[in-house]
Amino acid sequence: MKFRKEAVSRLGMVLSASVFVIAGAAAAQSNRPITVVVPFAAGGGTDITTRAMQESMADTLDVSVAVKNTAGAGGTIGVGEVARARPNGTTLGMAPVGPLTTQPHLRKLPYDVDSFDYICLAYSAPTVIAVREDSPFSNLDDLVAYAKENPGELTFAVQAIGSIPHIAGLALEDAAGIKMTFLPVDGDGPALKALLDGTADLFIPHVSFYTSNAEQLKSLALLKKGRLEEQPDLVTAEEQGFPLDFPIWGGLVAPAGLDDADISRFETACKTAIDSAPFQERMEALKQPSAYMGAADFAAFVHEKYETNRKLLEKAGLLAN
């Protein structure tokens, strides 16, 4: 009996020590520095948003948070880097809509929509269909009527095949029963140049870019459900009979397999950062409405957009074999 009691006592000590070691390891892991991978070069909208959240997230998590820019291949190199990382709570990514929901349909990539755990939606910039200020088109009816009479004549400058502006253009073609010619360019700046020199007839920038160049541009439609409080004069496509909603959005993701506790604490840190005064002031300066979704809603949202964009690309004959 004495031997049995001593054995039980030793077993209890071993189990207690094991629990202590496990708890200690978890605590040590939660205190490790965090890297947030931005899949574009420094200075762009995704990078600016991430850095606006950086200090608040570090304070909330009580760890250092570093931003790493890994640009290339339309954002897929950086997003792929996050997908390949160990799900130990030390690597996150600010993943935009294109690399998450369109690029995996266009070519074989080392990740897909199920390669991540979703933390939060962090930004969502509405887009507009823009033409030159002196364009004969004043609304979508004008543009659609011309396109129907002149199939393929309208040239639409897009940042890349499979980008959200391109997807929005495909959706407009589908909804209106028209055909346009797509002109790939390297960004909003080159798209504006193509518009002004007559190479292109329209493009779809995000609202803050449109606002910064409003003296040279005219908006035919805001691609958003409901008008913007910040710019109530922008008429929506939905008001004109085309229910198109194509913001340029992005959010925090982690490699699939993250502990629920880590997802929860990152979600809290994200919400705190987005609600903070410095972040809100930065978004106001960019004329970009604030946006947030928690982990569960963001995951469902991404999967829905992944399927929606797949159908549009399939209809356009652009799916990878």
Protein backbone atom coordinates (compact mmCIF):
# COMPACT_ATOMS: atom_id res chain seq x y z
CA MET A 1 0.00 0.00 0.00
CA LYS A 2 2.84 2.37 0.90
CA PHE A 3 4.53 1.67 -2.46
CA ARG A 4 1.28 2.38 -4.31
CA LYS A 5 0.80 5.70 -2.50
CA GLU A 6 4.35 6.74 -3.28
CA ALA A 7 3.89 5.78 -6.96
CA VAL A 8 0.68 7.79 -7.20
CA SER A 9 2.38 10.74 -5.53
CA ARG A 10 5.30 10.62 -7.96
CA LEU A 11 2.88 10.35 -10.91
CA GLY A 12 1.04 13.41 -9.63
CA MET A 13 4.30 15.35 -9.42
CA VAL A 14 5.23 14.31 -12.97
CA LEU A 15 1.81 15.35 -14.34
CA SER A 16 1.98 18.68 -12.51
CA ALA A 17 5.44 19.31 -13.89
CA SER A 18 4.26 18.41 -17.40
CA VAL A 19 1.34 20.82 -17.16
CA PHE A 20 3.72 23.52 -15.94
CA VAL A 21 6.09 22.89 -18.85
CA ILE A 22 3.24 22.96 -21.40
CA ALA A 23 1.78 26.15 -19.92
CA GLY A 24 5.22 27.71 -19.84
CA ALA A 25 5.85 26.79 -23.46
CA ALA A 26 2.50 28.30 -24.49
CA ALA A 27 3.25 31.48 -22.59
CA ALA A 28 6.71 31.72 -24.14
CA GLN A 29 5.22 31.22 -27.60
CA SER A 30 2.63 33.98 -27.04
CA ASN A 31 5.47 36.35 -26.13
CA ARG A 32 7.46 35.72 -29.31
CA PRO A 33 7.78 38.59 -31.84
CA ILE A 34 5.24 38.64 -34.68
CA THR A 35 5.92 39.36 -38.34
CA VAL A 36 3.10 40.62 -40.56
CA VAL A 37 3.88 39.95 -44.23
CA VAL A 38 2.60 42.58 -46.67
CA PRO A 39 2.63 41.10 -50.20
CA PHE A 40 3.29 44.44 -51.91
CA ALA A 41 6.00 47.08 -51.83
CA ALA A 42 6.11 49.70 -49.09
CA GLY A 43 3.96 52.78 -49.58
CA GLY A 44 0.88 51.23 -51.15
CA GLY A 45 -2.59 51.09 -49.61
CA THR A 46 -2.15 47.61 -48.11
CA ASP A 47 1.18 48.59 -46.57
CA ILE A 48 -0.15 51.89 -45.20
CA THR A 49 -3.12 50.15 -43.57
CA THR A 50 -0.90 47.48 -41.99
CA ARG A 51 1.52 50.02 -40.56
CA ALA A 52 -1.38 52.07 -39.21
CA MET A 53 -2.38 49.00 -37.16
CA GLN A 54 1.14 47.97 -36.15
CA GLU A 55 1.67 49.97 -32.96
CA SER A 56 -1.76 49.29 -31.50
CA MET A 57 -1.47 45.56 -32.16
CA ALA A 58 1.94 45.46 -30.49
CA ASP A 59 0.53 47.23 -27.43
CA THR A 60 -2.50 44.93 -27.20
CA LEU A 61 -0.48 41.73 -27.68
CA ASP A 62 2.44 42.99 -25.59
CA VAL A 63 4.96 41.78 -28.18
CA SER A 64 6.96 43.41 -30.94
CA VAL A 65 5.18 43.45 -34.32
CA ALA A 66 7.28 43.88 -37.45
CA VAL A 67 6.00 44.54 -40.99
CA LYS A 68 7.78 42.70 -43.79
CA ASN A 69 7.22 43.64 -47.44
CA THR A 70 7.45 40.64 -49.79
CA ALA A 71 6.33 41.90 -53.18
CA GLY A 72 5.98 40.11 -56.51
CA ALA A 73 3.66 38.14 -58.79
CA GLY A 74 0.56 40.18 -58.00
CA GLY A 75 0.90 39.60 -54.27
CA THR A 76 1.03 35.80 -54.51
CA ILE A 77 4.68 35.49 -53.39
CA GLY A 78 4.02 37.17 -50.05
CA VAL A 79 0.71 35.38 -49.49
CA GLY A 80 2.41 32.09 -50.35
CA GLU A 81 5.10 32.85 -47.78
CA VAL A 82 2.40 33.12 -45.11
CA ALA A 83 0.75 29.88 -46.24
CA ARG A 84 4.08 28.01 -45.88
CA ALA A 85 4.90 29.41 -42.43
CA ARG A 86 4.48 27.35 -39.27
CA PRO A 87 1.11 27.98 -37.58
CA ASN A 88 2.73 28.94 -34.29
CA GLY A 89 1.42 32.49 -33.94
CA THR A 90 4.57 34.26 -35.11
CA THR A 91 3.63 34.88 -38.77
CA LEU A 92 0.59 36.74 -40.06
CA GLY A 93 -0.17 38.25 -43.43
CA MET A 94 -2.20 41.19 -44.67
CA ALA A 95 -3.79 39.37 -47.57
CA PRO A 96 -5.64 41.37 -50.25
CA VAL A 97 -8.63 40.22 -52.26
CA GLY A 98 -6.75 39.42 -55.49
CA PRO A 99 -4.13 36.99 -54.14
CA LEU A 100 -6.81 35.34 -51.98
CA THR A 101 -9.83 35.01 -54.25
CA THR A 102 -8.81 35.43 -57.90
CA GLN A 103 -5.16 34.49 -58.47
CA PRO A 104 -5.59 30.87 -57.28
CA HIS A 105 -8.09 30.40 -60.12
CA LEU A 106 -5.77 31.81 -62.78
CA ARG A 107 -2.71 29.64 -62.25
CA LYS A 108 -1.37 26.90 -60.03
CA LEU A 109 -0.20 28.35 -56.71
CA PRO A 110 1.21 26.74 -53.55
CA TYR A 111 -1.94 27.75 -51.64
CA ASP A 112 -5.70 28.13 -51.94
CA VAL A 113 -8.51 29.60 -49.86
CA ASP A 114 -8.24 26.77 -47.31
CA SER A 115 -4.52 27.35 -46.65
CA PHE A 116 -5.26 30.02 -44.04
CA ASP A 117 -6.97 30.78 -40.78
CA TYR A 118 -8.79 34.09 -41.02
CA ILE A 119 -8.33 36.76 -38.33
CA CYS A 120 -10.17 39.90 -39.44
CA LEU A 121 -11.14 42.11 -42.35
CA ALA A 122 -8.96 45.21 -41.95
CA TYR A 123 -9.84 47.46 -44.88
CA SER A 124 -12.31 47.78 -47.72
CA ALA A 125 -11.92 50.57 -50.27
CA PRO A 126 -14.93 51.14 -52.54
CA THR A 127 -14.25 51.51 -56.27
CA VAL A 128 -15.78 53.67 -58.99
CA ILE A 129 -16.15 53.38 -62.75
CA ALA A 130 -14.24 56.46 -63.92
CA VAL A 131 -13.98 58.20 -67.29
CA ARG A 132 -12.32 61.41 -68.43
CA GLU A 133 -13.92 64.60 -67.19
CA ASP A 134 -14.84 65.49 -70.81
CA SER A 135 -16.20 62.02 -71.67
CA PRO A 136 -19.57 61.98 -73.47
CA PHE A 137 -20.76 59.39 -70.95
CA SER A 138 -22.59 60.77 -67.91
CA ASN A 139 -23.92 57.53 -66.40
CA LEU A 140 -23.94 53.78 -66.88
CA ASP A 141 -26.87 53.90 -69.29
CA ASP A 142 -24.81 56.06 -71.65
CA LEU A 143 -21.84 53.70 -71.48
CA VAL A 144 -23.92 50.54 -71.86
CA ALA A 145 -25.89 51.94 -74.81
CA TYR A 146 -22.66 52.83 -76.63
CA ALA A 147 -21.07 49.45 -75.85
CA LYS A 148 -24.09 47.59 -77.20
CA GLU A 149 -23.95 49.53 -80.46
CA ASN A 150 -20.16 49.17 -80.69
CA PRO A 151 -19.16 45.75 -79.27
CA GLY A 152 -15.54 45.58 -78.14
CA GLU A 153 -14.79 49.20 -79.02
CA LEU A 154 -14.66 50.53 -75.47
CA THR A 155 -11.20 50.04 -73.95
CA PHE A 156 -11.04 49.35 -70.23
CA ALA A 157 -7.66 49.82 -68.51
CA VAL A 158 -7.19 47.23 -65.76
CA GLN A 159 -4.35 46.87 -63.26
CA ALA A 160 -3.97 43.16 -64.05
CA ILE A 161 -5.99 40.27 -65.41
CA GLY A 162 -7.76 38.82 -62.39
CA SER A 163 -7.54 42.04 -60.37
CA ILE A 164 -10.69 43.35 -58.71
CA PRO A 165 -11.12 46.10 -61.34
CA HIS A 166 -10.93 43.38 -64.01
CA ILE A 167 -13.41 41.20 -62.12
CA ALA A 168 -15.72 44.20 -61.76
CA GLY A 169 -15.47 44.80 -65.51
CA LEU A 170 -16.37 41.18 -66.20
CA ALA A 171 -19.37 41.52 -63.87
CA LEU A 172 -20.49 44.68 -65.69
CA GLU A 173 -20.18 42.90 -69.05
CA ASP A 174 -22.24 40.01 -67.70
CA ALA A 175 -24.92 42.20 -66.09
CA ALA A 176 -25.28 44.58 -69.06
CA GLY A 177 -24.76 42.10 -71.90
CA ILE A 178 -21.85 44.04 -73.41
CA LYS A 179 -18.27 43.39 -74.50
CA MET A 180 -15.27 45.61 -73.82
CA THR A 181 -11.58 45.37 -74.68
CA PHE A 182 -9.34 45.01 -71.62
CA LEU A 183 -5.99 46.81 -71.55
CA PRO A 184 -3.64 45.54 -68.78
CA VAL A 185 -1.57 48.30 -67.13
CA ASP A 186 0.73 48.43 -64.09
CA GLY A 187 -1.50 50.29 -61.64
CA ASP A 188 -3.90 53.19 -61.11
CA GLY A 189 -1.31 55.76 -62.24
CA PRO A 190 -0.69 54.14 -65.66
CA ALA A 191 -4.44 53.55 -66.00
CA LEU A 192 -5.09 57.26 -65.47
CA LYS A 193 -2.40 58.10 -68.04
CA ALA A 194 -4.00 55.72 -70.56
CA LEU A 195 -7.35 57.39 -69.94
CA LEU A 196 -6.01 60.92 -70.36
CA ASP A 197 -4.05 60.19 -73.54
CA GLY A 198 -7.04 58.46 -75.13
CA THR A 199 -5.63 54.93 -75.07
CA ALA A 200 -8.42 53.84 -72.70
CA ASP A 201 -12.03 54.92 -72.25
CA LEU A 202 -12.55 53.91 -68.62
CA PHE A 203 -10.93 52.34 -65.58
CA ILE A 204 -11.94 51.38 -62.04
CA PRO A 205 -9.82 52.99 -59.30
CA HIS A 206 -10.48 52.93 -55.57
CA VAL A 207 -12.32 55.97 -54.24
CA SER A 208 -9.32 57.69 -52.64
CA PHE A 209 -7.41 57.62 -55.95
CA TYR A 210 -10.45 58.95 -57.78
CA THR A 211 -10.86 61.74 -55.22
CA SER A 212 -7.21 62.74 -55.54
CA ASN A 213 -7.66 63.13 -59.30
CA ALA A 214 -11.28 64.30 -59.41
CA GLU A 215 -10.51 67.38 -61.49
CA GLN A 216 -9.53 65.10 -64.39
CA LEU A 217 -12.15 62.40 -63.89
CA LYS A 218 -15.88 61.78 -63.81
CA SER A 219 -17.53 58.94 -61.91
CA LEU A 220 -20.20 56.97 -63.73
CA ALA A 221 -20.96 54.69 -60.79
CA LEU A 222 -19.84 53.81 -57.29
CA LEU A 223 -19.48 50.02 -57.08
CA LYS A 224 -20.91 49.71 -53.59
CA LYS A 225 -24.21 48.94 -51.91
CA GLY A 226 -25.41 52.30 -50.65
CA ARG A 227 -23.79 55.70 -51.01
CA LEU A 228 -20.70 56.83 -49.15
CA GLU A 229 -21.27 59.18 -46.23
CA GLU A 230 -17.95 60.82 -47.06
CA GLN A 231 -18.93 61.45 -50.70
CA PRO A 232 -22.73 61.31 -50.99
CA ASP A 233 -22.71 62.75 -54.52
CA LEU A 234 -21.29 59.51 -55.98
CA VAL A 235 -24.24 57.64 -57.51
CA THR A 236 -24.09 53.86 -57.10
CA ALA A 237 -24.32 51.29 -59.87
CA GLU A 238 -27.17 49.67 -57.95
CA GLU A 239 -29.22 52.87 -58.24
CA GLN A 240 -28.75 52.63 -62.00
CA GLY A 241 -29.98 49.04 -62.20
CA PHE A 242 -26.68 47.18 -61.87
CA PRO A 243 -26.15 45.69 -58.37
CA LEU A 244 -22.34 45.69 -58.51
CA ASP A 245 -20.31 45.75 -55.29
CA PHE A 246 -16.55 45.41 -55.82
CA PRO A 247 -14.41 46.97 -53.11
CA ILE A 248 -10.67 46.42 -52.87
CA TRP A 249 -10.32 44.75 -49.50
CA GLY A 250 -7.86 42.82 -47.39
CA GLY A 251 -7.40 41.37 -43.95
CA LEU A 252 -5.18 39.55 -41.54
CA VAL A 253 -4.64 35.83 -42.11
CA ALA A 254 -2.42 33.16 -40.57
CA PRO A 255 -1.17 29.78 -41.77
CA ALA A 256 -3.92 27.17 -41.35
CA GLY A 257 -3.71 25.27 -38.08
CA LEU A 258 -3.39 28.16 -35.65
CA ASP A 259 -4.59 27.53 -32.09
CA ASP A 260 -8.04 28.92 -31.33
CA ALA A 261 -6.53 30.95 -28.48
CA ASP A 262 -4.16 32.66 -30.91
CA ILE A 263 -6.96 33.38 -33.38
CA SER A 264 -8.95 34.96 -30.57
CA ARG A 265 -6.15 37.18 -29.28
CA PHE A 266 -5.19 38.32 -32.80
CA GLU A 267 -8.85 39.06 -33.56
CA THR A 268 -9.05 41.21 -30.43
CA ALA A 269 -5.82 43.02 -31.33
CA CYS A 270 -7.11 43.70 -34.84
CA LYS A 271 -10.42 45.13 -33.58
CA THR A 272 -8.63 47.30 -31.03
CA ALA A 273 -6.28 48.66 -33.70
CA ILE A 274 -9.10 49.45 -36.15
CA ASP A 275 -11.11 51.21 -33.43
CA SER A 276 -8.12 53.29 -32.32
CA ALA A 277 -8.07 57.04 -32.95
CA PRO A 278 -4.76 57.01 -34.90
CA PHE A 279 -6.07 54.36 -37.30
CA GLN A 280 -9.38 56.14 -37.81
CA GLU A 281 -7.58 59.42 -38.46
CA ARG A 282 -5.34 57.73 -41.03
CA MET A 283 -8.33 56.25 -42.86
CA GLU A 284 -10.08 59.62 -42.81
CA ALA A 285 -7.01 61.23 -44.37
CA LEU A 286 -7.14 58.61 -47.12
CA LYS A 287 -10.90 59.22 -47.51
CA GLN A 288 -11.39 55.50 -46.95
CA PRO A 289 -14.28 54.29 -44.78
CA SER A 290 -13.31 52.00 -41.94
CA ALA A 291 -14.11 48.31 -42.24
CA TYR A 292 -13.98 45.34 -39.87
CA MET A 293 -15.16 41.73 -39.69
CA GLY A 294 -14.27 39.25 -37.00
CA ALA A 295 -12.66 35.88 -37.66
CA ALA A 296 -15.77 33.79 -38.39
CA ASP A 297 -17.49 36.39 -40.58
CA PHE A 298 -14.27 37.16 -42.45
CA ALA A 299 -13.67 33.46 -43.20
CA ALA A 300 -17.20 33.07 -44.58
CA PHE A 301 -16.84 36.29 -46.59
CA VAL A 302 -13.56 35.20 -48.21
CA HIS A 303 -14.96 31.79 -49.18
CA GLU A 304 -18.04 33.43 -50.70
CA LYS A 305 -15.93 35.86 -52.77
CA TYR A 306 -13.60 33.03 -53.80
CA GLU A 307 -16.52 31.19 -55.37
CA THR A 308 -18.13 34.30 -56.88
CA ASN A 309 -14.89 35.31 -58.59
CA ARG A 310 -14.29 31.76 -59.80
CA LYS A 311 -17.63 31.82 -61.61
CA LEU A 312 -16.88 35.17 -63.27
CA LEU A 313 -13.45 34.00 -64.41
CA GLU A 314 -14.90 30.69 -65.64
CA LYS A 315 -17.51 32.52 -67.70
CA ALA A 316 -14.74 34.63 -69.22
CA GLY A 317 -12.76 31.48 -70.08
CA LEU A 318 -9.85 32.45 -67.82
CA LEU A 319 -9.71 29.54 -65.36
CA ALA A 320 -6.43 27.64 -65.21
CA ASN A 321 -6.57 24.13 -66.62
